[in-house]
Amino acid sequence: MEARPDDGRRETEEERADRQWSELLQELRVAQTGVQILFGFLLAVVFQQRFAELGETDRDIYVVTVLLGSATAAALIGPVSYHRLLTGRRMKPETVIWASRLTILGLVLLFCTMCSTLLLILRVALHNQLALWLVGGMALWFVICWFVFPLWALARGRSGPGGGKRSGEGAASGAARRGGAGG
């Protein structure tokens, strides 16, 4: 059995990979559903009558948004394909690491997709420069919620007694420390 200092678990590398894969799948289910709904709405926009009224800049933003949505869906669905193609080849730990990396890439792409979608909608709704400021504020909020808070928790967890995990520290910070998914 592989021992890890202060990880609080007694599991083999394969058991850890199975648990981490299960945790990652739960996270992906939430993200994939939202991305698929958003992407579906984006695809339908072009078929609306008002689409013809969009200016060139708004059409360009739309095209970029659809491409970002497509890339996001690919990155967040990619771990499923990765797992399916490698199942039974005794590569679960590697699969979890790469699936986790794809998920993080998917979250970054989702951030870009959300900002681009907001920019398009707010430009059409407001017809002024306020849209850029509102998108900037929301982008900052996304960065804080999705990246700053988890990294802050990770930093606090590392600075705890003895530099190890604090009681009740979440799986995310343990995963980030080890570079994989789950804790």
N, C-alpha and C. Protein backbone atom coordinates (compact mmCIF):
# COMPACT_ATOMS: atom_id res chain seq x y z
N MET A 1 0.85 -1.18 0.00
CA MET A 1 0.00 0.00 0.00
C MET A 1 0.89 1.24 0.00
N GLU A 2 0.58 2.16 -0.89
CA GLU A 2 1.34 3.38 -0.99
C GLU A 2 0.91 4.35 0.10
N ALA A 3 1.84 4.84 0.88
CA ALA A 3 1.50 5.77 1.96
C ALA A 3 1.78 7.19 1.52
N ARG A 4 0.89 8.08 1.89
CA ARG A 4 1.08 9.50 1.63
C ARG A 4 1.00 10.21 2.97
N PRO A 5 1.93 11.08 3.23
CA PRO A 5 1.93 11.77 4.52
C PRO A 5 0.69 12.65 4.69
N ASP A 6 0.05 12.50 5.83
CA ASP A 6 -1.08 13.34 6.22
C ASP A 6 -2.26 13.32 5.26
N ASP A 7 -2.39 12.28 4.43
CA ASP A 7 -3.56 12.30 3.54
C ASP A 7 -4.79 11.70 4.21
N GLY A 8 -4.62 11.06 5.35
CA GLY A 8 -5.75 10.59 6.13
C GLY A 8 -6.45 9.37 5.55
N ARG A 9 -5.90 8.75 4.54
CA ARG A 9 -6.53 7.59 3.92
C ARG A 9 -5.53 6.45 3.80
N ARG A 10 -6.05 5.28 3.89
CA ARG A 10 -5.24 4.07 3.69
C ARG A 10 -5.79 3.38 2.45
N GLU A 11 -5.25 3.75 1.29
CA GLU A 11 -5.74 3.15 0.06
C GLU A 11 -4.58 2.97 -0.93
N THR A 12 -4.73 1.98 -1.76
CA THR A 12 -3.72 1.74 -2.78
C THR A 12 -3.86 2.80 -3.87
N GLU A 13 -2.89 2.85 -4.76
CA GLU A 13 -2.96 3.79 -5.87
C GLU A 13 -4.21 3.53 -6.72
N GLU A 14 -4.53 2.26 -6.94
CA GLU A 14 -5.72 1.91 -7.73
C GLU A 14 -7.01 2.31 -7.01
N GLU A 15 -7.08 2.08 -5.70
CA GLU A 15 -8.26 2.48 -4.93
C GLU A 15 -8.43 4.00 -4.96
N ARG A 16 -7.33 4.71 -4.81
CA ARG A 16 -7.36 6.17 -4.86
C ARG A 16 -7.85 6.63 -6.24
N ALA A 17 -7.33 6.01 -7.29
CA ALA A 17 -7.73 6.38 -8.65
C ALA A 17 -9.23 6.12 -8.86
N ASP A 18 -9.73 4.99 -8.36
CA ASP A 18 -11.17 4.69 -8.48
C ASP A 18 -12.00 5.75 -7.76
N ARG A 19 -11.60 6.12 -6.57
CA ARG A 19 -12.33 7.13 -5.81
C ARG A 19 -12.25 8.49 -6.51
N GLN A 20 -11.07 8.85 -6.95
CA GLN A 20 -10.91 10.14 -7.62
C GLN A 20 -11.71 10.18 -8.92
N TRP A 21 -11.75 9.06 -9.64
CA TRP A 21 -12.52 9.03 -10.87
C TRP A 21 -14.01 9.24 -10.57
N SER A 22 -14.49 8.59 -9.54
CA SER A 22 -15.89 8.73 -9.15
C SER A 22 -16.20 10.18 -8.77
N GLU A 23 -15.32 10.82 -8.03
CA GLU A 23 -15.51 12.23 -7.64
C GLU A 23 -15.49 13.13 -8.88
N LEU A 24 -14.57 12.87 -9.79
CA LEU A 24 -14.47 13.67 -11.00
C LEU A 24 -15.73 13.53 -11.85
N LEU A 25 -16.27 12.33 -11.94
CA LEU A 25 -17.50 12.12 -12.71
C LEU A 25 -18.65 12.94 -12.14
N GLN A 26 -18.74 13.01 -10.83
CA GLN A 26 -19.80 13.82 -10.21
C GLN A 26 -19.64 15.29 -10.58
N GLU A 27 -18.41 15.78 -10.56
CA GLU A 27 -18.16 17.18 -10.92
C GLU A 27 -18.50 17.41 -12.39
N LEU A 28 -18.10 16.47 -13.24
CA LEU A 28 -18.35 16.61 -14.67
C LEU A 28 -19.84 16.61 -15.00
N ARG A 29 -20.62 15.83 -14.28
CA ARG A 29 -22.07 15.79 -14.54
C ARG A 29 -22.70 17.16 -14.39
N VAL A 30 -22.27 17.89 -13.39
CA VAL A 30 -22.81 19.23 -13.17
C VAL A 30 -22.37 20.15 -14.32
N ALA A 31 -21.08 20.16 -14.61
CA ALA A 31 -20.55 21.05 -15.63
C ALA A 31 -21.08 20.70 -17.02
N GLN A 32 -21.11 19.42 -17.35
CA GLN A 32 -21.55 19.01 -18.69
C GLN A 32 -23.00 19.40 -18.96
N THR A 33 -23.85 19.23 -17.98
CA THR A 33 -25.26 19.56 -18.17
C THR A 33 -25.42 21.04 -18.49
N GLY A 34 -24.80 21.89 -17.70
CA GLY A 34 -24.88 23.32 -17.93
C GLY A 34 -24.31 23.73 -19.28
N VAL A 35 -23.18 23.16 -19.65
CA VAL A 35 -22.54 23.49 -20.92
C VAL A 35 -23.41 23.04 -22.09
N GLN A 36 -23.99 21.87 -21.99
CA GLN A 36 -24.82 21.37 -23.08
C GLN A 36 -26.08 22.22 -23.26
N ILE A 37 -26.67 22.67 -22.18
CA ILE A 37 -27.85 23.54 -22.27
C ILE A 37 -27.46 24.89 -22.89
N LEU A 38 -26.38 25.49 -22.39
CA LEU A 38 -25.90 26.76 -22.92
C LEU A 38 -25.57 26.63 -24.40
N PHE A 39 -24.86 25.57 -24.76
CA PHE A 39 -24.47 25.37 -26.16
C PHE A 39 -25.71 25.20 -27.05
N GLY A 40 -26.69 24.48 -26.56
CA GLY A 40 -27.93 24.31 -27.33
C GLY A 40 -28.62 25.63 -27.60
N PHE A 41 -28.69 26.48 -26.59
CA PHE A 41 -29.28 27.80 -26.78
C PHE A 41 -28.46 28.63 -27.77
N LEU A 42 -27.15 28.55 -27.66
CA LEU A 42 -26.30 29.31 -28.59
C LEU A 42 -26.53 28.87 -30.04
N LEU A 43 -26.66 27.57 -30.24
CA LEU A 43 -26.88 27.07 -31.59
C LEU A 43 -28.22 27.54 -32.15
N ALA A 44 -29.21 27.71 -31.30
CA ALA A 44 -30.54 28.12 -31.75
C ALA A 44 -30.61 29.60 -32.10
N VAL A 45 -29.72 30.41 -31.56
CA VAL A 45 -29.77 31.87 -31.76
C VAL A 45 -29.73 32.23 -33.25
N VAL A 46 -28.89 31.57 -34.00
CA VAL A 46 -28.72 31.92 -35.41
C VAL A 46 -30.02 31.75 -36.22
N PHE A 47 -30.94 30.95 -35.72
CA PHE A 47 -32.19 30.70 -36.43
C PHE A 47 -33.32 31.65 -36.02
N GLN A 48 -33.02 32.58 -35.14
CA GLN A 48 -34.02 33.56 -34.71
C GLN A 48 -34.06 34.72 -35.70
N GLN A 49 -35.22 35.31 -35.89
CA GLN A 49 -35.38 36.40 -36.85
C GLN A 49 -34.50 37.60 -36.53
N ARG A 50 -34.35 37.91 -35.25
CA ARG A 50 -33.54 39.09 -34.86
C ARG A 50 -32.06 38.92 -35.15
N PHE A 51 -31.62 37.69 -35.40
CA PHE A 51 -30.20 37.47 -35.68
C PHE A 51 -29.76 38.28 -36.90
N ALA A 52 -30.63 38.39 -37.89
CA ALA A 52 -30.30 39.14 -39.11
C ALA A 52 -30.06 40.62 -38.81
N GLU A 53 -30.59 41.11 -37.71
CA GLU A 53 -30.43 42.52 -37.34
C GLU A 53 -29.11 42.81 -36.63
N LEU A 54 -28.38 41.77 -36.22
CA LEU A 54 -27.12 41.99 -35.50
C LEU A 54 -26.09 42.65 -36.41
N GLY A 55 -25.32 43.55 -35.80
CA GLY A 55 -24.22 44.16 -36.54
C GLY A 55 -23.07 43.19 -36.69
N GLU A 56 -22.09 43.60 -37.46
CA GLU A 56 -20.94 42.73 -37.74
C GLU A 56 -20.19 42.34 -36.46
N THR A 57 -20.00 43.30 -35.57
CA THR A 57 -19.28 43.01 -34.32
C THR A 57 -20.02 41.97 -33.49
N ASP A 58 -21.33 42.13 -33.38
CA ASP A 58 -22.12 41.18 -32.60
C ASP A 58 -22.14 39.80 -33.25
N ARG A 59 -22.15 39.75 -34.56
CA ARG A 59 -22.07 38.46 -35.26
C ARG A 59 -20.72 37.80 -34.99
N ASP A 60 -19.66 38.60 -35.01
CA ASP A 60 -18.33 38.06 -34.71
C ASP A 60 -18.27 37.52 -33.28
N ILE A 61 -18.84 38.28 -32.35
CA ILE A 61 -18.89 37.81 -30.96
C ILE A 61 -19.67 36.50 -30.88
N TYR A 62 -20.77 36.42 -31.63
CA TYR A 62 -21.56 35.19 -31.65
C TYR A 62 -20.74 34.01 -32.15
N VAL A 63 -20.04 34.19 -33.25
CA VAL A 63 -19.23 33.10 -33.81
C VAL A 63 -18.17 32.65 -32.81
N VAL A 64 -17.49 33.61 -32.20
CA VAL A 64 -16.48 33.27 -31.19
C VAL A 64 -17.13 32.52 -30.02
N THR A 65 -18.30 32.97 -29.61
CA THR A 65 -19.01 32.34 -28.50
C THR A 65 -19.38 30.90 -28.82
N VAL A 66 -19.88 30.66 -30.04
CA VAL A 66 -20.23 29.30 -30.44
C VAL A 66 -18.99 28.41 -30.49
N LEU A 67 -17.90 28.94 -31.01
CA LEU A 67 -16.66 28.15 -31.06
C LEU A 67 -16.14 27.85 -29.65
N LEU A 68 -16.22 28.84 -28.77
CA LEU A 68 -15.81 28.60 -27.38
C LEU A 68 -16.72 27.57 -26.72
N GLY A 69 -18.03 27.67 -26.97
CA GLY A 69 -18.97 26.69 -26.41
C GLY A 69 -18.67 25.29 -26.90
N SER A 70 -18.33 25.18 -28.17
CA SER A 70 -17.98 23.88 -28.75
C SER A 70 -16.70 23.32 -28.11
N ALA A 71 -15.70 24.17 -27.97
CA ALA A 71 -14.44 23.74 -27.35
C ALA A 71 -14.66 23.35 -25.89
N THR A 72 -15.53 24.08 -25.22
CA THR A 72 -15.84 23.77 -23.82
C THR A 72 -16.50 22.40 -23.71
N ALA A 73 -17.49 22.16 -24.56
CA ALA A 73 -18.17 20.86 -24.55
C ALA A 73 -17.18 19.74 -24.83
N ALA A 74 -16.30 19.95 -25.78
CA ALA A 74 -15.29 18.92 -26.10
C ALA A 74 -14.39 18.62 -24.91
N ALA A 75 -13.93 19.67 -24.24
CA ALA A 75 -13.03 19.47 -23.10
C ALA A 75 -13.72 18.78 -21.93
N LEU A 76 -14.99 19.14 -21.69
CA LEU A 76 -15.69 18.56 -20.54
C LEU A 76 -16.29 17.18 -20.83
N ILE A 77 -16.47 16.85 -22.08
CA ILE A 77 -16.93 15.51 -22.43
C ILE A 77 -15.73 14.60 -22.70
N GLY A 78 -14.60 15.20 -23.01
CA GLY A 78 -13.37 14.44 -23.30
C GLY A 78 -12.99 13.40 -22.26
N PRO A 79 -13.10 13.70 -20.96
CA PRO A 79 -12.73 12.68 -19.96
C PRO A 79 -13.53 11.38 -20.09
N VAL A 80 -14.76 11.49 -20.52
CA VAL A 80 -15.58 10.28 -20.68
C VAL A 80 -15.01 9.41 -21.79
N SER A 81 -14.66 10.03 -22.91
CA SER A 81 -14.06 9.30 -24.02
C SER A 81 -12.71 8.71 -23.62
N TYR A 82 -11.92 9.52 -22.94
CA TYR A 82 -10.61 9.08 -22.47
C TYR A 82 -10.76 7.82 -21.62
N HIS A 83 -11.68 7.87 -20.67
CA HIS A 83 -11.90 6.73 -19.78
C HIS A 83 -12.39 5.51 -20.56
N ARG A 84 -13.35 5.73 -21.47
CA ARG A 84 -13.91 4.61 -22.21
C ARG A 84 -12.86 3.92 -23.06
N LEU A 85 -11.99 4.70 -23.71
CA LEU A 85 -10.97 4.11 -24.59
C LEU A 85 -9.86 3.41 -23.81
N LEU A 86 -9.66 3.79 -22.56
CA LEU A 86 -8.57 3.21 -21.77
C LEU A 86 -9.05 2.20 -20.73
N THR A 87 -10.37 2.00 -20.62
CA THR A 87 -10.90 1.06 -19.64
C THR A 87 -10.33 -0.33 -19.88
N GLY A 88 -9.93 -0.97 -18.80
CA GLY A 88 -9.40 -2.33 -18.87
C GLY A 88 -7.93 -2.41 -19.21
N ARG A 89 -7.27 -1.30 -19.36
CA ARG A 89 -5.85 -1.30 -19.72
C ARG A 89 -4.94 -0.98 -18.54
N ARG A 90 -5.54 -1.03 -17.33
CA ARG A 90 -4.80 -0.80 -16.09
C ARG A 90 -4.07 0.55 -16.10
N MET A 91 -4.80 1.56 -16.53
CA MET A 91 -4.23 2.91 -16.61
C MET A 91 -5.09 3.93 -15.86
N LYS A 92 -5.83 3.48 -14.87
CA LYS A 92 -6.77 4.36 -14.16
C LYS A 92 -6.06 5.58 -13.55
N PRO A 93 -4.93 5.43 -12.86
CA PRO A 93 -4.29 6.63 -12.30
C PRO A 93 -3.94 7.67 -13.37
N GLU A 94 -3.40 7.22 -14.50
CA GLU A 94 -3.07 8.15 -15.58
C GLU A 94 -4.35 8.77 -16.17
N THR A 95 -5.38 7.95 -16.30
CA THR A 95 -6.66 8.43 -16.83
C THR A 95 -7.21 9.53 -15.95
N VAL A 96 -7.15 9.35 -14.65
CA VAL A 96 -7.67 10.35 -13.71
C VAL A 96 -6.88 11.65 -13.84
N ILE A 97 -5.58 11.57 -13.96
CA ILE A 97 -4.75 12.78 -14.07
C ILE A 97 -5.10 13.54 -15.34
N TRP A 98 -5.16 12.85 -16.48
CA TRP A 98 -5.45 13.52 -17.74
C TRP A 98 -6.89 14.02 -17.78
N ALA A 99 -7.81 13.25 -17.25
CA ALA A 99 -9.21 13.69 -17.21
C ALA A 99 -9.35 14.94 -16.33
N SER A 100 -8.61 14.99 -15.25
CA SER A 100 -8.63 16.16 -14.38
C SER A 100 -8.08 17.39 -15.12
N ARG A 101 -7.02 17.20 -15.87
CA ARG A 101 -6.44 18.31 -16.64
C ARG A 101 -7.43 18.80 -17.70
N LEU A 102 -8.09 17.87 -18.38
CA LEU A 102 -9.10 18.26 -19.37
C LEU A 102 -10.25 19.02 -18.71
N THR A 103 -10.62 18.60 -17.51
CA THR A 103 -11.70 19.27 -16.79
C THR A 103 -11.30 20.70 -16.43
N ILE A 104 -10.08 20.90 -15.98
CA ILE A 104 -9.62 22.25 -15.67
C ILE A 104 -9.59 23.11 -16.93
N LEU A 105 -9.11 22.54 -18.04
CA LEU A 105 -9.14 23.25 -19.31
C LEU A 105 -10.59 23.60 -19.67
N GLY A 106 -11.49 22.65 -19.47
CA GLY A 106 -12.91 22.89 -19.74
C GLY A 106 -13.47 24.02 -18.91
N LEU A 107 -13.05 24.11 -17.65
CA LEU A 107 -13.52 25.21 -16.79
C LEU A 107 -13.00 26.56 -17.28
N VAL A 108 -11.76 26.60 -17.73
CA VAL A 108 -11.22 27.84 -18.28
C VAL A 108 -11.98 28.22 -19.55
N LEU A 109 -12.23 27.24 -20.41
CA LEU A 109 -13.00 27.51 -21.63
C LEU A 109 -14.44 27.92 -21.29
N LEU A 110 -15.01 27.31 -20.26
CA LEU A 110 -16.36 27.69 -19.83
C LEU A 110 -16.38 29.14 -19.35
N PHE A 111 -15.35 29.53 -18.63
CA PHE A 111 -15.22 30.93 -18.19
C PHE A 111 -15.26 31.85 -19.42
N CYS A 112 -14.47 31.52 -20.43
CA CYS A 112 -14.43 32.33 -21.65
C CYS A 112 -15.79 32.32 -22.37
N THR A 113 -16.42 31.16 -22.42
CA THR A 113 -17.73 31.05 -23.06
C THR A 113 -18.77 31.89 -22.33
N MET A 114 -18.77 31.82 -21.01
CA MET A 114 -19.73 32.59 -20.23
C MET A 114 -19.52 34.09 -20.44
N CYS A 115 -18.28 34.53 -20.43
CA CYS A 115 -17.99 35.95 -20.62
C CYS A 115 -18.40 36.40 -22.02
N SER A 116 -18.10 35.59 -23.02
CA SER A 116 -18.46 35.92 -24.39
C SER A 116 -19.98 35.95 -24.56
N THR A 117 -20.67 34.99 -23.96
CA THR A 117 -22.13 34.95 -24.02
C THR A 117 -22.72 36.20 -23.36
N LEU A 118 -22.20 36.54 -22.19
CA LEU A 118 -22.68 37.74 -21.50
C LEU A 118 -22.43 38.99 -22.33
N LEU A 119 -21.26 39.05 -22.95
CA LEU A 119 -20.94 40.21 -23.77
C LEU A 119 -21.95 40.35 -24.92
N LEU A 120 -22.23 39.27 -25.59
CA LEU A 120 -23.19 39.33 -26.70
C LEU A 120 -24.57 39.76 -26.21
N ILE A 121 -25.04 39.11 -25.17
CA ILE A 121 -26.38 39.41 -24.66
C ILE A 121 -26.48 40.85 -24.16
N LEU A 122 -25.50 41.29 -23.40
CA LEU A 122 -25.56 42.64 -22.83
C LEU A 122 -25.36 43.71 -23.90
N ARG A 123 -24.56 43.44 -24.92
CA ARG A 123 -24.43 44.41 -26.03
C ARG A 123 -25.76 44.57 -26.76
N VAL A 124 -26.44 43.46 -26.99
CA VAL A 124 -27.73 43.53 -27.67
C VAL A 124 -28.78 44.20 -26.78
N ALA A 125 -28.76 43.88 -25.50
CA ALA A 125 -29.77 44.40 -24.58
C ALA A 125 -29.55 45.88 -24.23
N LEU A 126 -28.29 46.29 -24.08
CA LEU A 126 -28.01 47.64 -23.58
C LEU A 126 -27.58 48.64 -24.65
N HIS A 127 -27.02 48.18 -25.75
CA HIS A 127 -26.56 49.05 -26.83
C HIS A 127 -25.59 50.13 -26.36
N ASN A 128 -24.77 49.85 -25.34
CA ASN A 128 -23.81 50.86 -24.90
C ASN A 128 -22.59 50.20 -24.24
N GLN A 129 -21.67 51.03 -23.82
CA GLN A 129 -20.42 50.56 -23.24
C GLN A 129 -20.57 49.96 -21.85
N LEU A 130 -21.72 50.16 -21.23
CA LEU A 130 -21.95 49.57 -19.92
C LEU A 130 -21.80 48.05 -19.97
N ALA A 131 -22.12 47.48 -21.11
CA ALA A 131 -22.02 46.02 -21.29
C ALA A 131 -20.61 45.52 -20.96
N LEU A 132 -19.60 46.21 -21.46
CA LEU A 132 -18.21 45.79 -21.19
C LEU A 132 -17.89 45.83 -19.70
N TRP A 133 -18.35 46.86 -19.02
CA TRP A 133 -18.10 46.98 -17.58
C TRP A 133 -18.82 45.88 -16.80
N LEU A 134 -20.05 45.59 -17.20
CA LEU A 134 -20.80 44.53 -16.52
C LEU A 134 -20.15 43.16 -16.75
N VAL A 135 -19.72 42.91 -17.97
CA VAL A 135 -19.04 41.64 -18.26
C VAL A 135 -17.73 41.56 -17.48
N GLY A 136 -17.01 42.66 -17.42
CA GLY A 136 -15.76 42.69 -16.65
C GLY A 136 -16.01 42.37 -15.18
N GLY A 137 -17.07 42.94 -14.62
CA GLY A 137 -17.42 42.65 -13.23
C GLY A 137 -17.79 41.19 -13.02
N MET A 138 -18.58 40.66 -13.95
CA MET A 138 -18.97 39.24 -13.84
C MET A 138 -17.76 38.32 -14.05
N ALA A 139 -16.88 38.69 -14.96
CA ALA A 139 -15.67 37.89 -15.19
C ALA A 139 -14.84 37.84 -13.90
N LEU A 140 -14.72 38.97 -13.25
CA LEU A 140 -14.00 39.01 -11.97
C LEU A 140 -14.67 38.10 -10.95
N TRP A 141 -16.00 38.14 -10.89
CA TRP A 141 -16.73 37.29 -9.96
C TRP A 141 -16.50 35.81 -10.26
N PHE A 142 -16.55 35.42 -11.54
CA PHE A 142 -16.26 34.03 -11.91
C PHE A 142 -14.86 33.63 -11.47
N VAL A 143 -13.89 34.48 -11.73
CA VAL A 143 -12.50 34.17 -11.35
C VAL A 143 -12.40 33.99 -9.83
N ILE A 144 -13.05 34.84 -9.08
CA ILE A 144 -13.02 34.73 -7.62
C ILE A 144 -13.66 33.42 -7.17
N CYS A 145 -14.86 33.12 -7.68
CA CYS A 145 -15.58 31.92 -7.25
C CYS A 145 -14.90 30.62 -7.71
N TRP A 146 -14.42 30.60 -8.92
CA TRP A 146 -13.92 29.36 -9.51
C TRP A 146 -12.44 29.12 -9.24
N PHE A 147 -11.66 30.19 -9.05
CA PHE A 147 -10.22 30.00 -8.94
C PHE A 147 -9.61 30.60 -7.67
N VAL A 148 -9.98 31.83 -7.34
CA VAL A 148 -9.36 32.48 -6.17
C VAL A 148 -9.74 31.78 -4.87
N PHE A 149 -11.04 31.53 -4.65
CA PHE A 149 -11.45 30.87 -3.41
C PHE A 149 -10.80 29.49 -3.24
N PRO A 150 -10.81 28.63 -4.27
CA PRO A 150 -10.14 27.33 -4.09
C PRO A 150 -8.64 27.46 -3.85
N LEU A 151 -7.98 28.37 -4.56
CA LEU A 151 -6.54 28.55 -4.35
C LEU A 151 -6.26 29.14 -2.97
N TRP A 152 -7.13 30.01 -2.50
CA TRP A 152 -6.99 30.57 -1.16
C TRP A 152 -7.13 29.45 -0.12
N ALA A 153 -8.13 28.57 -0.32
CA ALA A 153 -8.31 27.44 0.61
C ALA A 153 -7.10 26.53 0.58
N LEU A 154 -6.55 26.32 -0.60
CA LEU A 154 -5.35 25.49 -0.73
C LEU A 154 -4.18 26.12 0.04
N ALA A 155 -3.99 27.41 -0.12
CA ALA A 155 -2.91 28.10 0.58
C ALA A 155 -3.10 28.05 2.09
N ARG A 156 -4.34 28.21 2.54
CA ARG A 156 -4.61 28.12 3.99
C ARG A 156 -4.37 26.72 4.50
N GLY A 157 -4.73 25.73 3.72
CA GLY A 157 -4.53 24.34 4.12
C GLY A 157 -3.07 23.99 4.24
N ARG A 158 -2.26 24.56 3.38
CA ARG A 158 -0.81 24.29 3.42
C ARG A 158 -0.14 25.00 4.58
N SER A 159 -0.72 26.12 5.01
CA SER A 159 -0.08 26.88 6.08
C SER A 159 -0.60 26.47 7.46
N GLY A 160 -1.40 25.40 7.50
CA GLY A 160 -1.93 24.92 8.77
C GLY A 160 -0.84 24.34 9.65
N PRO A 161 -1.20 23.80 10.80
CA PRO A 161 -0.23 23.22 11.71
C PRO A 161 0.64 22.18 11.00
N GLY A 162 1.92 22.39 11.03
CA GLY A 162 2.86 21.44 10.43
C GLY A 162 2.87 21.49 8.91
N GLY A 163 2.16 22.46 8.32
CA GLY A 163 2.13 22.59 6.87
C GLY A 163 1.29 21.54 6.19
N GLY A 164 0.62 20.69 6.96
CA GLY A 164 -0.19 19.62 6.38
C GLY A 164 -1.64 20.02 6.29
N LYS A 165 -2.48 19.03 6.06
CA LYS A 165 -3.90 19.28 5.92
C LYS A 165 -4.52 19.65 7.27
N ARG A 166 -5.43 20.58 7.22
CA ARG A 166 -6.19 20.93 8.42
C ARG A 166 -7.36 19.99 8.53
N SER A 167 -7.86 19.87 9.70
CA SER A 167 -9.05 19.05 9.91
C SER A 167 -10.18 19.61 9.07
N GLY A 168 -10.84 18.74 8.30
CA GLY A 168 -11.96 19.15 7.48
C GLY A 168 -11.57 19.74 6.14
N GLU A 169 -10.28 19.71 5.79
CA GLU A 169 -9.86 20.25 4.51
C GLU A 169 -10.49 19.46 3.39
N GLY A 170 -10.97 20.15 2.38
CA GLY A 170 -11.68 19.50 1.27
C GLY A 170 -10.77 18.72 0.36
N ALA A 171 -11.41 17.87 -0.46
CA ALA A 171 -10.70 17.02 -1.39
C ALA A 171 -10.00 17.83 -2.47
N ALA A 172 -10.56 18.98 -2.81
CA ALA A 172 -9.99 19.76 -3.91
C ALA A 172 -8.57 20.20 -3.61
N SER A 173 -8.32 20.66 -2.38
CA SER A 173 -6.98 21.13 -2.09
C SER A 173 -5.99 19.98 -2.03
N GLY A 174 -6.43 18.83 -1.56
CA GLY A 174 -5.55 17.66 -1.56
C GLY A 174 -5.24 17.24 -2.98
N ALA A 175 -6.23 17.34 -3.87
CA ALA A 175 -6.03 16.96 -5.27
C ALA A 175 -5.06 17.94 -5.93
N ALA A 176 -5.26 19.22 -5.66
CA ALA A 176 -4.39 20.21 -6.28
C ALA A 176 -2.95 20.00 -5.84
N ARG A 177 -2.75 19.65 -4.58
CA ARG A 177 -1.41 19.43 -4.07
C ARG A 177 -0.74 18.26 -4.79
N ARG A 178 -1.55 17.24 -5.11
CA ARG A 178 -0.98 16.07 -5.77
C ARG A 178 -1.07 16.15 -7.29
N GLY A 179 -1.75 17.17 -7.81
CA GLY A 179 -1.86 17.34 -9.24
C GLY A 179 -2.88 16.44 -9.91
N GLY A 180 -3.80 15.89 -9.12
CA GLY A 180 -4.81 15.00 -9.69
C GLY A 180 -6.20 15.44 -9.32
N ALA A 181 -7.17 14.58 -9.63
CA ALA A 181 -8.57 14.87 -9.31
C ALA A 181 -8.91 14.30 -7.95
N GLY A 182 -9.85 14.91 -7.29
CA GLY A 182 -10.31 14.37 -6.01
C GLY A 182 -9.25 14.46 -4.94
N GLY A 183 -9.53 13.89 -3.75
CA GLY A 183 -8.59 14.03 -2.64
C GLY A 183 -7.91 12.83 -2.24
